[in-house]
Protein backbone atom coordinates (compact mmCIF):
# COMPACT_ATOMS: atom_id res chain seq x y z
CA MET A 1 -88.36 2.40 -38.98
CA GLY A 2 -88.31 1.20 -35.14
CA TYR A 3 -91.26 -1.42 -36.23
CA VAL A 4 -89.05 -2.57 -39.23
CA ALA A 5 -85.68 -2.82 -37.04
CA GLY A 6 -87.74 -4.57 -34.02
CA LEU A 7 -89.24 -7.34 -36.52
CA LEU A 8 -85.94 -7.99 -38.09
CA PHE A 9 -84.52 -8.34 -34.48
CA GLY A 10 -87.12 -10.78 -33.80
CA LEU A 11 -87.07 -12.60 -36.72
CA GLY A 12 -83.33 -13.07 -36.23
CA LEU A 13 -83.96 -14.19 -32.50
CA GLY A 14 -86.44 -16.80 -33.80
CA ILE A 15 -84.36 -18.00 -36.76
CA SER A 16 -81.24 -18.51 -34.45
CA GLY A 17 -83.12 -20.33 -31.84
CA MET A 18 -82.33 -17.56 -29.26
CA THR A 19 -85.96 -17.55 -28.07
CA ASP A 20 -85.34 -20.94 -26.63
CA PRO A 21 -84.02 -20.42 -22.91
CA ALA A 22 -82.68 -24.08 -23.12
CA ARG A 23 -80.18 -22.77 -25.72
CA VAL A 24 -78.99 -19.49 -23.49
CA LEU A 25 -78.99 -21.54 -20.36
CA GLY A 26 -76.99 -24.30 -22.10
CA PHE A 27 -74.32 -21.47 -23.20
CA LEU A 28 -74.30 -20.46 -19.70
CA ASP A 29 -73.45 -24.10 -18.46
CA LEU A 30 -69.47 -23.92 -19.03
CA LEU A 31 -68.85 -27.14 -16.86
CA GLY A 32 -71.65 -29.11 -18.29
CA ALA A 33 -72.97 -29.51 -21.84
CA TRP A 34 -72.02 -26.14 -23.24
CA ASP A 35 -73.67 -24.93 -26.06
CA PRO A 36 -71.75 -22.36 -28.14
CA THR A 37 -74.56 -20.98 -30.30
CA LEU A 38 -74.84 -18.14 -28.55
CA LEU A 39 -71.36 -17.25 -28.95
CA PHE A 40 -71.94 -17.31 -32.75
CA VAL A 41 -75.22 -15.00 -32.59
CA LEU A 42 -73.33 -12.66 -30.31
CA GLY A 43 -70.26 -12.58 -32.77
CA GLY A 44 -72.57 -12.07 -35.73
CA ALA A 45 -74.28 -9.08 -34.01
CA VAL A 46 -70.94 -7.56 -32.82
CA VAL A 47 -69.36 -7.61 -36.58
CA THR A 48 -72.86 -6.40 -38.01
CA ASN A 49 -72.60 -3.33 -35.42
CA PHE A 50 -69.15 -2.74 -36.23
CA ILE A 51 -69.66 -2.39 -39.86
CA GLY A 52 -73.04 -0.44 -39.55
CA TYR A 53 -71.94 2.03 -37.23
CA ARG A 54 -68.95 3.06 -39.59
CA LEU A 55 -71.07 3.03 -42.52
CA VAL A 56 -73.78 5.54 -40.65
CA PHE A 57 -71.53 7.71 -39.14
CA ARG A 58 -70.03 8.73 -42.46
CA ARG A 59 -73.65 10.71 -42.85
CA PRO A 60 -73.84 14.11 -41.41
CA ASN A 61 -77.34 12.93 -39.73
CA PRO A 62 -79.61 9.99 -39.95
CA ILE A 63 -82.13 9.44 -42.82
CA TYR A 64 -85.32 9.80 -40.84
CA ALA A 65 -84.29 12.31 -38.13
CA GLU A 66 -82.37 15.76 -37.89
CA ALA A 67 -79.05 14.66 -35.84
CA PHE A 68 -77.81 11.41 -34.05
CA GLN A 69 -79.06 10.88 -30.61
CA LEU A 70 -76.22 9.37 -28.56
CA PRO A 71 -75.73 9.26 -24.79
CA THR A 72 -73.36 11.29 -23.47
CA ARG A 73 -73.09 9.94 -19.90
CA GLN A 74 -69.58 7.93 -19.17
CA ASP A 75 -69.88 7.44 -15.55
CA LEU A 76 -70.98 4.21 -13.45
CA ASP A 77 -73.31 4.44 -10.92
CA ALA A 78 -75.04 2.33 -8.47
CA ARG A 79 -78.10 2.19 -10.49
CA LEU A 80 -76.43 1.13 -13.59
CA ILE A 81 -74.38 -1.58 -12.04
CA GLY A 82 -77.48 -2.81 -9.94
CA GLY A 83 -79.78 -2.87 -12.78
CA ALA A 84 -76.71 -4.84 -14.98
CA ALA A 85 -76.31 -7.32 -12.20
CA LEU A 86 -80.24 -7.77 -11.87
CA PHE A 87 -80.50 -8.38 -15.57
CA GLY A 88 -77.64 -10.92 -15.63
CA ILE A 89 -79.24 -13.04 -12.63
CA GLY A 90 -82.40 -12.79 -14.29
CA TRP A 91 -81.02 -13.94 -17.61
CA GLY A 92 -78.89 -16.98 -15.97
CA LEU A 93 -81.91 -18.31 -13.72
CA SER A 94 -84.59 -17.87 -16.62
CA GLY A 95 -82.63 -18.07 -20.07
CA TYR A 96 -84.85 -14.94 -21.14
CA CYS A 97 -83.43 -11.45 -21.79
CA PRO A 98 -86.25 -8.95 -22.91
CA GLY A 99 -85.69 -9.36 -26.66
CA PRO A 100 -86.32 -12.99 -26.82
CA ALA A 101 -88.99 -12.91 -24.02
CA PHE A 102 -91.03 -10.63 -26.12
CA ALA A 103 -90.50 -12.62 -29.58
CA SER A 104 -91.50 -15.96 -27.46
CA LEU A 105 -94.83 -14.33 -26.46
CA GLY A 106 -96.56 -16.32 -29.11
CA GLY A 107 -95.76 -19.45 -27.12
CA LEU A 108 -96.70 -17.93 -23.82
CA THR A 109 -95.39 -20.50 -20.94
CA ALA A 110 -95.47 -20.18 -16.97
CA PRO A 111 -91.66 -19.48 -16.83
CA LEU A 112 -91.85 -16.67 -19.64
CA LEU A 113 -94.95 -15.20 -18.08
CA ALA A 114 -92.86 -15.07 -14.60
CA MET A 115 -90.09 -13.44 -16.27
CA LEU A 116 -92.17 -10.97 -17.91
CA MET A 117 -93.80 -10.16 -14.62
CA ALA A 118 -90.51 -9.78 -13.05
CA MET A 119 -89.22 -7.74 -15.57
CA ILE A 120 -92.42 -5.13 -15.63
CA ALA A 121 -92.23 -5.04 -11.71
CA GLY A 122 -88.44 -4.01 -12.24
CA TRP A 123 -89.40 -1.20 -14.33
CA PHE A 124 -91.55 0.25 -11.79
CA VAL A 125 -88.91 -0.36 -9.06
CA ALA A 126 -86.20 1.58 -11.13
CA ARG A 127 -88.71 4.52 -11.60
CA ALA A 128 -89.44 4.77 -8.07
CA ILE A 129 -85.54 4.94 -7.29
CA PRO A 130 -84.27 8.52 -7.92
CA ALA A 131 -81.74 9.21 -10.58
CA ARG A 132 -78.50 11.15 -10.04
CA ASP A 133 -78.55 13.83 -12.94
């Protein structure tokens, strides 16, 4: 099911044009040639999730698992805030976030490769920083 969900997500990114970093950077350019396309994609995702979660949680358990696996932590710590800040900075500089980056692998470019290498390095750095349990 994860493969099917990933495939649908990647297809949605490709069809909506969100694998084009110029479109994302255009959305972030509020004082220039602002491109609202990402707003509609995000809105569609919010509506779909809003409806989907309500339908899924009516079930006593998932179809392919014994129980729902939901996060229980609700606190904010330096790792979460720092990671979110780095994600936003990287997204703003490159125009890629992980989903569209992986969906764009077929047309690998130097900026995409640099972003992917930075993301992989970030994974290793995050694992090296001790987590508070």
